[in-house]
C-alpha atoms as a PDB file:
ATOM      1  CA  MET A   1     145.231 156.703  73.986  1.00  0.00           C
ATOM      2  CA  LYS A   2     144.109 153.611  71.553  1.00  0.00           C
ATOM      3  CA  ASP A   3     143.835 151.733  74.997  1.00  0.00           C
ATOM      4  CA  LYS A   4     141.345 153.969  76.169  1.00  0.00           C
ATOM      5  CA  THR A   5     139.330 153.730  72.745  1.00  0.00           C
ATOM      6  CA  SER A   6     138.972 150.241  72.770  1.00  0.00           C
ATOM      7  CA  LEU A   7     137.611 150.326  76.480  1.00  0.00           C
ATOM      8  CA  SER A   8     135.302 153.339  75.350  1.00  0.00           C
ATOM      9  CA  LYS A   9     133.690 150.960  72.586  1.00  0.00           C
ATOM     10  CA  ILE A  10     134.310 147.616  75.194  1.00  0.00           C
ATOM     11  CA  LEU A  11     131.943 149.492  78.024  1.00  0.00           C
ATOM     12  CA  PRO A  12     128.695 149.751  76.851  1.00  0.00           C
ATOM     13  CA  VAL A  13     128.699 146.070  75.340  1.00  0.00           C
ATOM     14  CA  LEU A  14     129.311 144.913  78.817  1.00  0.00           C
ATOM     15  CA  PHE A  15     126.970 147.085  80.420  1.00  0.00           C
ATOM     16  CA  GLY A  16     124.337 145.649  78.204  1.00  0.00           C
ATOM     17  CA  PHE A  17     125.219 142.432  79.083  1.00  0.00           C
ATOM     18  CA  PHE A  18     124.982 143.423  82.659  1.00  0.00           C
ATOM     19  CA  VAL A  19     121.818 145.031  82.157  1.00  0.00           C
ATOM     20  CA  MET A  20     120.165 142.240  80.742  1.00  0.00           C
ATOM     21  CA  GLY A  21     121.750 139.682  82.693  1.00  0.00           C
ATOM     22  CA  PHE A  22     119.669 141.940  85.818  1.00  0.00           C
ATOM     23  CA  CYS A  23     116.592 141.835  84.431  1.00  0.00           C
ATOM     24  CA  ASP A  24     116.640 138.159  83.823  1.00  0.00           C
ATOM     25  CA  VAL A  25     117.396 137.584  87.458  1.00  0.00           C
ATOM     26  CA  VAL A  26     114.831 139.933  88.683  1.00  0.00           C
ATOM     27  CA  GLY A  27     112.177 138.298  85.770  1.00  0.00           C
ATOM     28  CA  ILE A  28     112.755 135.180  87.192  1.00  0.00           C
ATOM     29  CA  THR A  29     112.854 135.906  90.747  1.00  0.00           C
ATOM     30  CA  SER A  30     109.484 137.559  90.367  1.00  0.00           C
ATOM     31  CA  ALA A  31     107.606 134.509  88.729  1.00  0.00           C
ATOM     32  CA  HIS A  32     108.914 132.287  91.738  1.00  0.00           C
ATOM     33  CA  VAL A  33     107.223 134.625  93.978  1.00  0.00           C
ATOM     34  CA  LYS A  34     104.007 135.153  92.143  1.00  0.00           C
ATOM     35  CA  GLU A  35     103.992 131.233  92.046  1.00  0.00           C
ATOM     36  CA  ASP A  36     104.852 131.182  95.612  1.00  0.00           C
ATOM     37  CA  LEU A  37     101.749 133.887  96.613  1.00  0.00           C
ATOM     38  CA  LEU A  38      99.103 131.679  94.130  1.00  0.00           C
ATOM     39  CA  GLY A  39     100.419 129.007  95.275  1.00  0.00           C
ATOM     40  CA  ALA A  40      99.836 129.682  98.950  1.00  0.00           C
END
């Protein structure tokens, strides 16, 4: 049970990092696409 509680405490933190990384990638990609569309 002790391992399960520690995992339940760590999982939201890892999920938060995953979401922030995903948003970062989407933001960079959209910025590049916008730059390409405005440049073309």
